[in-house]
N, C-alpha and C. Protein backbone atom coordinates (compact mmCIF):
# COMPACT_ATOMS: atom_id res chain seq x y z
N MET A 1 15.12 2.01 22.80
CA MET A 1 14.80 0.81 21.83
C MET A 1 13.80 1.33 20.74
N GLY A 2 12.94 2.11 20.99
CA GLY A 2 11.82 2.54 20.21
C GLY A 2 12.74 3.62 19.27
N SER A 3 13.67 4.27 19.42
CA SER A 3 14.06 5.15 18.59
C SER A 3 14.97 4.36 17.54
N ALA A 4 15.47 3.17 17.89
CA ALA A 4 16.48 2.54 17.13
C ALA A 4 15.53 1.86 15.76
N GLY A 5 14.36 1.24 16.39
CA GLY A 5 13.49 1.02 15.10
C GLY A 5 13.06 1.75 14.19
N THR A 6 12.91 3.28 15.04
CA THR A 6 12.42 4.42 13.99
C THR A 6 13.33 4.62 12.87
N ALA A 7 14.46 4.48 13.68
CA ALA A 7 15.90 5.06 12.78
C ALA A 7 15.96 3.87 11.49
N ARG A 8 15.87 2.60 11.98
CA ARG A 8 16.05 1.42 11.01
C ARG A 8 14.92 1.60 9.93
N GLY A 9 13.72 1.97 10.18
CA GLY A 9 12.60 2.32 9.34
C GLY A 9 12.92 3.21 8.58
N ALA A 10 13.48 4.49 9.01
CA ALA A 10 13.69 5.57 8.14
C ALA A 10 14.95 5.11 7.01
N THR A 11 15.72 4.34 7.61
CA THR A 11 16.93 3.86 6.72
C THR A 11 16.64 2.76 5.78
N HIS A 12 15.55 2.13 5.71
CA HIS A 12 15.04 1.32 4.83
C HIS A 12 14.08 2.05 4.04
N ALA A 13 13.45 2.81 4.43
CA ALA A 13 12.52 3.72 3.54
C ALA A 13 13.29 4.42 2.75
N ARG A 14 14.52 5.25 3.13
CA ARG A 14 15.41 5.93 2.18
C ARG A 14 16.09 4.97 1.08
N LEU A 15 16.44 3.66 1.49
CA LEU A 15 16.88 2.86 0.67
C LEU A 15 15.98 2.48 -0.40
N VAL A 16 14.58 2.16 0.06
CA VAL A 16 13.69 1.60 -1.30
C VAL A 16 13.41 2.97 -1.80
N LEU A 17 13.44 4.18 -1.36
CA LEU A 17 13.09 5.27 -2.05
C LEU A 17 14.28 5.43 -3.21
N GLY A 18 15.51 5.04 -2.70
CA GLY A 18 16.78 5.33 -3.79
C GLY A 18 16.65 4.25 -4.80
N VAL A 19 16.25 3.35 -4.57
CA VAL A 19 16.38 2.21 -5.47
C VAL A 19 15.14 2.20 -6.48
N GLY A 20 14.00 2.73 -5.88
CA GLY A 20 12.86 2.94 -6.87
C GLY A 20 13.23 4.25 -7.82
N ALA A 21 14.01 5.34 -7.17
CA ALA A 21 14.27 6.32 -8.26
C ALA A 21 15.26 5.99 -9.15
N VAL A 22 16.23 5.01 -8.93
CA VAL A 22 17.13 4.73 -9.69
C VAL A 22 16.33 3.99 -11.04
N GLY A 23 15.41 3.16 -10.43
CA GLY A 23 14.65 2.34 -11.15
C GLY A 23 13.63 3.27 -12.07
N VAL A 24 12.87 4.02 -11.68
CA VAL A 24 12.11 5.13 -12.38
C VAL A 24 12.95 5.87 -13.83
N VAL A 25 14.23 6.27 -13.18
CA VAL A 25 14.97 6.97 -14.24
C VAL A 25 15.41 5.83 -15.25
N ILE A 26 15.62 4.49 -14.98
CA ILE A 26 16.21 3.66 -15.94
C ILE A 26 14.71 3.26 -16.75
N ASN A 27 13.67 3.13 -16.41
CA ASN A 27 12.47 2.60 -17.20
C ASN A 27 12.28 4.07 -17.98
N ALA A 28 12.29 5.26 -17.40
CA ALA A 28 11.94 6.39 -18.10
C ALA A 28 13.01 6.43 -19.48
N VAL A 29 14.40 6.36 -19.22
CA VAL A 29 15.39 6.24 -20.59
C VAL A 29 14.90 5.18 -21.57
N ASP A 30 14.50 3.88 -20.84
CA ASP A 30 14.23 3.04 -21.71
C ASP A 30 12.86 3.23 -22.79
N TRP A 31 12.01 3.88 -21.96
CA TRP A 31 10.86 4.25 -22.61
C TRP A 31 10.97 5.27 -23.66
N PHE A 32 11.78 6.07 -23.40
CA PHE A 32 11.94 7.20 -24.45
C PHE A 32 12.91 6.71 -25.69
N THR A 33 13.86 5.97 -25.39
CA THR A 33 14.80 5.36 -26.22
C THR A 33 14.14 4.10 -26.96
N GLY A 34 13.69 3.35 -26.47
CA GLY A 34 13.06 2.26 -26.99
C GLY A 34 11.54 2.20 -27.29
N GLY A 35 10.38 2.92 -26.79
CA GLY A 35 9.27 3.36 -27.07
C GLY A 35 8.57 2.04 -26.31
N ASP A 36 7.39 1.94 -26.63
CA ASP A 36 6.33 0.83 -25.89
C ASP A 36 6.51 0.68 -24.44
N PRO A 37 5.73 1.77 -23.82
CA PRO A 37 6.29 1.21 -22.31
C PRO A 37 5.13 0.22 -21.85
N ARG A 38 5.65 -0.60 -20.89
CA ARG A 38 5.15 -1.81 -20.67
C ARG A 38 4.58 -1.44 -19.31
N PRO A 39 3.48 -2.22 -18.87
CA PRO A 39 2.78 -1.93 -17.46
C PRO A 39 3.95 -2.29 -16.30
N TYR A 40 4.62 -3.35 -16.27
CA TYR A 40 5.45 -3.59 -15.28
C TYR A 40 6.62 -2.34 -15.15
N HIS A 41 6.54 -1.55 -15.79
CA HIS A 41 7.67 -0.29 -15.91
C HIS A 41 7.24 0.63 -14.83
N ALA A 42 6.17 0.58 -14.29
CA ALA A 42 5.52 1.27 -13.14
C ALA A 42 6.03 0.52 -11.90
N PHE A 43 6.50 -0.22 -11.59
CA PHE A 43 6.84 -0.93 -10.30
C PHE A 43 7.82 -0.20 -9.53
N PRO A 44 8.93 0.20 -10.20
CA PRO A 44 9.83 1.11 -9.73
C PRO A 44 9.05 2.52 -8.81
N LEU A 45 8.30 3.04 -9.58
CA LEU A 45 7.25 4.28 -9.36
C LEU A 45 6.56 3.62 -7.86
N LEU A 46 6.27 2.51 -7.94
CA LEU A 46 5.49 1.76 -6.53
C LEU A 46 6.23 1.87 -5.43
N LEU A 47 7.76 1.47 -5.63
CA LEU A 47 8.79 1.50 -4.59
C LEU A 47 9.07 3.19 -4.21
N VAL A 48 9.14 3.85 -5.20
CA VAL A 48 9.25 5.26 -4.61
C VAL A 48 8.04 5.98 -3.68
N LEU A 49 6.71 5.56 -4.14
CA LEU A 49 5.80 5.94 -3.34
C LEU A 49 5.48 5.51 -2.18
N TRP A 50 5.77 4.17 -1.85
CA TRP A 50 5.94 3.36 -0.73
C TRP A 50 7.06 4.02 0.14
N GLY A 51 8.05 4.05 -0.32
CA GLY A 51 9.26 4.78 0.30
C GLY A 51 9.03 6.18 0.98
N ALA A 52 8.31 7.16 0.23
CA ALA A 52 7.94 8.53 0.46
C ALA A 52 6.90 8.34 1.55
N ALA A 53 5.81 7.49 1.19
CA ALA A 53 5.09 7.30 2.29
C ALA A 53 5.50 7.02 3.74
N ASP A 54 6.53 6.11 3.79
CA ASP A 54 7.01 5.57 4.91
C ASP A 54 7.98 6.79 5.80
N LEU A 55 8.60 7.34 4.92
CA LEU A 55 9.21 8.67 5.21
C LEU A 55 8.19 9.92 5.88
N MET A 56 7.26 9.94 5.41
CA MET A 56 6.20 10.94 5.60
C MET A 56 5.16 10.89 6.71
N GLN A 57 5.60 9.37 6.97
CA GLN A 57 4.35 8.83 8.10
C GLN A 57 4.57 9.71 9.41
N ALA A 58 5.71 10.15 10.05
CA ALA A 58 5.81 10.90 11.26
C ALA A 58 5.33 12.18 11.40
N ALA A 59 5.67 12.82 10.12
CA ALA A 59 5.48 14.36 10.07
C ALA A 59 3.87 14.50 9.50
N ARG A 60 3.73 13.80 8.28
CA ARG A 60 2.39 14.03 7.75
C ARG A 60 1.43 12.72 7.46
N PRO A 61 0.85 12.06 8.51
CA PRO A 61 0.27 10.86 8.42
C PRO A 61 -0.80 10.96 7.19
N ASP A 62 -1.70 12.00 7.23
CA ASP A 62 -2.73 12.15 6.29
C ASP A 62 -1.99 12.09 4.75
N ALA A 63 -1.08 12.81 4.55
CA ALA A 63 -0.35 12.94 3.15
C ALA A 63 0.01 11.38 3.00
N ALA A 64 0.98 10.77 3.82
CA ALA A 64 1.45 9.54 3.94
C ALA A 64 0.17 8.56 3.35
N ARG A 65 -0.85 8.69 4.00
CA ARG A 65 -1.97 7.64 3.65
C ARG A 65 -2.61 8.04 2.12
N GLY A 66 -2.72 9.29 1.81
CA GLY A 66 -2.85 9.60 0.32
C GLY A 66 -1.92 9.01 -0.24
N VAL A 67 -0.58 8.80 -0.20
CA VAL A 67 0.32 8.42 -1.17
C VAL A 67 0.43 7.14 -1.06
N ARG A 68 0.05 6.16 0.17
CA ARG A 68 -0.39 4.80 -0.27
C ARG A 68 -1.30 4.67 -0.84
N ALA A 69 -2.53 5.46 -0.67
CA ALA A 69 -3.76 4.93 -1.55
C ALA A 69 -3.24 5.42 -3.07
N ALA A 70 -2.64 6.29 -3.37
CA ALA A 70 -2.06 6.40 -4.78
C ALA A 70 -1.18 5.02 -5.23
N ALA A 71 -0.36 4.64 -4.52
CA ALA A 71 0.18 3.47 -4.82
C ALA A 71 -0.63 2.26 -4.69
N GLY A 72 -1.77 2.19 -3.89
CA GLY A 72 -2.32 0.86 -4.21
C GLY A 72 -3.19 1.03 -5.39
N VAL A 73 -3.72 2.40 -5.79
CA VAL A 73 -4.39 2.44 -7.31
C VAL A 73 -3.39 2.14 -8.43
N LEU A 74 -2.31 2.76 -8.18
CA LEU A 74 -1.51 2.09 -9.31
C LEU A 74 -1.02 0.98 -9.25
N MET A 75 -0.84 0.29 -8.39
CA MET A 75 -0.62 -1.46 -8.30
C MET A 75 -1.67 -1.92 -8.84
N VAL A 76 -2.99 -1.66 -8.45
CA VAL A 76 -4.16 -2.59 -9.16
C VAL A 76 -4.29 -2.10 -10.52
N ALA A 77 -4.03 -0.95 -10.81
CA ALA A 77 -3.98 -0.61 -12.34
C ALA A 77 -2.84 -1.47 -13.31
N MET A 78 -1.89 -1.35 -12.62
CA MET A 78 -0.62 -2.20 -13.30
C MET A 78 -1.15 -3.81 -13.31
N GLY A 79 -1.63 -4.38 -12.36
CA GLY A 79 -1.94 -5.70 -12.23
C GLY A 79 -3.04 -6.06 -13.13
N LEU A 80 -3.95 -5.13 -13.47
CA LEU A 80 -5.12 -5.46 -14.07
C LEU A 80 -4.53 -5.38 -15.74
N ALA A 81 -3.65 -4.28 -16.24
CA ALA A 81 -3.15 -4.16 -17.54
C ALA A 81 -2.36 -5.34 -17.70
N VAL A 82 -1.76 -5.80 -16.74
CA VAL A 82 -0.82 -7.02 -17.13
C VAL A 82 -1.72 -8.43 -17.20
N GLY A 83 -2.48 -8.59 -16.04
CA GLY A 83 -3.26 -9.86 -15.69
C GLY A 83 -4.31 -10.33 -16.80
N VAL A 84 -5.25 -9.14 -17.17
CA VAL A 84 -6.37 -9.18 -17.97
C VAL A 84 -5.92 -9.87 -19.53
N PRO A 85 -5.00 -9.32 -20.01
CA PRO A 85 -4.74 -9.99 -21.34
C PRO A 85 -3.95 -11.55 -21.16
N ALA A 86 -3.48 -11.68 -19.95
CA ALA A 86 -2.79 -12.98 -19.54
C ALA A 86 -4.34 -14.02 -19.50
N ALA A 87 -5.08 -13.11 -18.99
CA ALA A 87 -6.31 -14.42 -18.46
C ALA A 87 -7.04 -14.56 -19.75
N ALA A 88 -7.06 -13.52 -20.69
CA ALA A 88 -7.82 -13.65 -21.76
C ALA A 88 -7.08 -14.53 -22.93
N ALA A 89 -5.73 -14.43 -22.79
CA ALA A 89 -5.05 -15.46 -23.59
C ALA A 89 -5.57 -16.98 -23.18
N LEU A 90 -5.34 -17.01 -21.90
CA LEU A 90 -5.60 -18.45 -21.26
C LEU A 90 -7.09 -19.15 -21.73
N VAL A 91 -7.98 -18.22 -21.55
CA VAL A 91 -9.21 -18.34 -21.96
C VAL A 91 -9.40 -18.98 -23.58
N ARG A 92 -8.60 -18.00 -24.33
CA ARG A 92 -8.81 -18.31 -25.78
C ARG A 92 -8.12 -19.64 -26.07
N GLY A 93 -7.07 -20.03 -25.29
CA GLY A 93 -6.08 -21.08 -25.70
C GLY A 93 -4.76 -20.88 -26.34
N ASP A 94 -4.58 -19.35 -26.40
CA ASP A 94 -3.18 -18.98 -26.67
C ASP A 94 -2.10 -19.22 -25.89
N ARG A 95 -1.02 -18.64 -26.23
CA ARG A 95 0.36 -18.72 -25.47
C ARG A 95 0.05 -17.84 -24.15
N VAL A 96 0.34 -18.48 -23.21
CA VAL A 96 0.14 -17.42 -21.78
C VAL A 96 1.27 -17.27 -21.25
N ASP A 97 1.33 -15.78 -20.85
CA ASP A 97 2.85 -15.54 -19.93
C ASP A 97 2.08 -15.78 -18.68
N TRP A 98 2.83 -16.75 -18.05
CA TRP A 98 2.21 -17.16 -16.67
C TRP A 98 2.76 -16.29 -15.71
N LEU A 99 3.98 -15.48 -15.81
CA LEU A 99 4.23 -14.46 -14.79
C LEU A 99 3.31 -13.39 -14.89
N ASP A 100 2.82 -13.11 -15.75
CA ASP A 100 1.65 -11.71 -16.05
C ASP A 100 0.62 -12.17 -15.49
N LEU A 101 0.04 -13.50 -15.67
CA LEU A 101 -1.32 -14.06 -15.23
C LEU A 101 -1.12 -14.15 -13.38
N VAL A 102 -0.08 -14.66 -12.84
CA VAL A 102 0.60 -14.73 -11.43
C VAL A 102 0.35 -13.24 -10.91
N VAL A 103 0.97 -12.24 -11.63
CA VAL A 103 0.96 -10.81 -11.10
C VAL A 103 -0.61 -10.60 -11.17
N GLY A 104 -1.31 -10.68 -11.96
CA GLY A 104 -2.63 -10.39 -12.08
C GLY A 104 -3.64 -10.91 -11.13
N VAL A 105 -3.09 -12.10 -10.59
CA VAL A 105 -4.18 -13.18 -9.75
C VAL A 105 -3.72 -12.27 -8.45
N VAL A 106 -2.57 -12.02 -8.21
CA VAL A 106 -1.82 -11.48 -6.77
C VAL A 106 -2.62 -10.27 -6.52
N VAL A 107 -2.36 -9.36 -7.73
CA VAL A 107 -3.07 -8.00 -7.53
C VAL A 107 -4.53 -8.11 -7.10
N LEU A 108 -5.14 -9.03 -7.84
CA LEU A 108 -6.80 -9.52 -7.69
C LEU A 108 -6.90 -9.40 -5.99
N LEU A 109 -6.08 -10.55 -5.52
CA LEU A 109 -6.09 -10.75 -4.01
C LEU A 109 -5.96 -9.51 -3.27
N TYR A 110 -4.78 -8.92 -3.70
CA TYR A 110 -4.36 -7.63 -3.14
C TYR A 110 -5.37 -6.56 -2.81
N ALA A 111 -6.25 -6.38 -3.83
CA ALA A 111 -7.45 -5.39 -4.10
C ALA A 111 -8.60 -5.85 -3.41
N ALA A 112 -8.80 -7.54 -3.07
CA ALA A 112 -9.57 -8.09 -2.46
C ALA A 112 -9.50 -7.99 -0.50
N SER A 113 -8.31 -8.02 -0.61
CA SER A 113 -8.09 -7.89 0.95
C SER A 113 -7.95 -6.62 1.55
N ALA A 114 -7.66 -5.49 0.49
CA ALA A 114 -7.85 -4.05 0.89
C ALA A 114 -9.33 -3.72 0.94
N LEU A 115 -10.08 -4.28 -0.02
CA LEU A 115 -11.23 -3.75 0.23
C LEU A 115 -12.22 -4.44 1.43
N ALA A 116 -12.01 -5.78 1.77
CA ALA A 116 -12.34 -6.28 2.91
C ALA A 116 -11.76 -5.55 4.16
N ALA A 117 -10.69 -4.89 4.15
CA ALA A 117 -10.02 -4.40 5.43
C ALA A 117 -10.89 -3.12 5.53
N LEU A 118 -11.07 -2.36 4.47
CA LEU A 118 -11.89 -1.02 4.25
C LEU A 118 -13.28 -1.54 4.72
N VAL A 119 -14.01 -2.46 4.35
CA VAL A 119 -15.59 -2.58 4.88
C VAL A 119 -15.44 -3.05 6.46
N ALA A 120 -14.41 -3.83 6.84
CA ALA A 120 -14.44 -3.97 8.27
C ALA A 120 -14.16 -2.72 9.13
N ARG A 121 -13.25 -1.98 8.66
CA ARG A 121 -12.90 -0.76 9.37
C ARG A 121 -14.27 0.45 9.37
N ARG A 122 -14.80 0.33 8.26
CA ARG A 122 -15.95 1.21 8.28
C ARG A 122 -17.17 0.60 9.19
N ARG A 123 -17.34 -0.61 9.25
CA ARG A 123 -18.30 -1.30 10.18
C ARG A 123 -17.75 -1.23 11.63
N THR A 124 -16.53 -1.20 11.87
CA THR A 124 -16.39 -0.94 13.52
C THR A 124 -16.49 0.36 13.85
N ARG A 125 -16.47 1.44 13.00
CA ARG A 125 -16.66 2.84 13.34
C ARG A 125 -18.15 3.05 13.25
N GLY A 126 -18.74 2.75 14.27
CA GLY A 126 -20.20 3.19 14.43
C GLY A 126 -20.25 4.43 14.98
N PRO A 127 -21.58 4.62 15.49
CA PRO A 127 -21.89 6.01 15.96
C PRO A 127 -21.24 5.98 17.42
N VAL A 128 -20.42 6.70 17.80
CA VAL A 128 -19.92 6.81 19.30
C VAL A 128 -20.97 7.12 20.17
N LYS A 129 -21.18 6.32 20.98
CA LYS A 129 -22.26 6.49 22.08
C LYS A 129 -21.47 7.09 23.18
N GLU A 130 -21.97 8.35 23.49
CA GLU A 130 -21.30 8.77 24.77
C GLU A 130 -22.22 8.34 26.21
N PRO A 131 -21.22 8.12 27.37
CA PRO A 131 -21.67 7.57 28.63
C PRO A 131 -23.08 8.68 29.15
N ALA A 132 -24.32 8.07 29.58
CA ALA A 132 -25.02 9.01 30.17
C ALA A 132 -24.45 9.61 31.34
N VAL A 133 -25.13 10.60 32.15
CA VAL A 133 -24.43 11.17 33.13
C VAL A 133 -24.90 10.15 34.29
N GLY A 134 -23.92 10.14 35.07
CA GLY A 134 -23.34 8.97 36.34
C GLY A 134 -22.96 7.94 35.57
N GLU A 135 -22.69 7.65 34.58
CA GLU A 135 -22.08 6.40 34.03
C GLU A 135 -20.81 6.59 33.86
N GLY A 136 -20.09 5.28 33.72
CA GLY A 136 -18.55 5.48 33.40
C GLY A 136 -17.79 4.75 34.17
N ALA A 137 -16.57 5.10 34.21
CA ALA A 137 -15.51 4.18 35.23
C ALA A 137 -15.44 4.67 36.37
N ARG A 138 -15.28 4.02 37.48
CA ARG A 138 -15.15 4.71 38.68
C ARG A 138 -13.54 4.48 38.99
N ILE A 139 -13.05 5.24 39.81
CA ILE A 139 -12.06 5.19 40.17
C ILE A 139 -11.51 3.85 40.49
N GLY A 140 -10.15 3.39 39.85
CA GLY A 140 -9.38 2.22 40.12
C GLY A 140 -9.98 1.09 38.93
N GLU A 141 -11.08 1.31 38.39
CA GLU A 141 -11.55 0.63 37.37
C GLU A 141 -11.07 0.32 36.24
N ASN A 142 -9.94 0.97 35.75
CA ASN A 142 -9.04 1.05 34.51
C ASN A 142 -7.80 0.19 34.60
N GLY A 143 -7.63 -0.10 35.89
CA GLY A 143 -6.35 -0.78 36.18
C GLY A 143 -5.48 -0.08 37.00
N ARG A 144 -4.35 -0.70 37.32
CA ARG A 144 -3.46 -0.25 38.49
C ARG A 144 -2.83 1.01 38.04
N HIS A 145 -2.61 1.31 36.79
CA HIS A 145 -1.97 2.64 36.65
C HIS A 145 -2.66 4.02 37.40
N GLU A 146 -3.81 3.89 37.50
CA GLU A 146 -4.46 4.80 38.17
C GLU A 146 -4.11 5.12 39.77
N ARG A 147 -4.10 6.42 40.10
CA ARG A 147 -3.60 6.76 41.12
C ARG A 147 -5.27 6.85 42.22
N SER A 148 -5.34 6.60 43.34
CA SER A 148 -6.48 7.03 43.98
C SER A 148 -6.38 7.73 45.30
């Protein structure tokens, strides 16, 4: 059962990686031919990074964590580049691109939840207290799986 879920996850990661790669190529051609890159052109790159991180998770978890962090930074930068001008237009009373404003708000919520998770993880990782000599679990204390 466990291997079927792993195979399915790898298949989905490959699919996301492929779709993202096609999007990156399309956006690169659009950028070179039309000029004026837009922040949302980075979205397919996010797909590539997330797919690559999922595929690397089993073999290189530290590298996968770094790729996910890079994807998070890229997403926050993209959301700020889109959301800040939309929020400024809303404050000024100009025409507002509501999709850009919603993307900015969602990315802001993503960044806040990621920061809260990081703070919570740092708080739970306190100094590890070693048991004193003579303290600790006795035989059979950890459950039925132990043999006595």
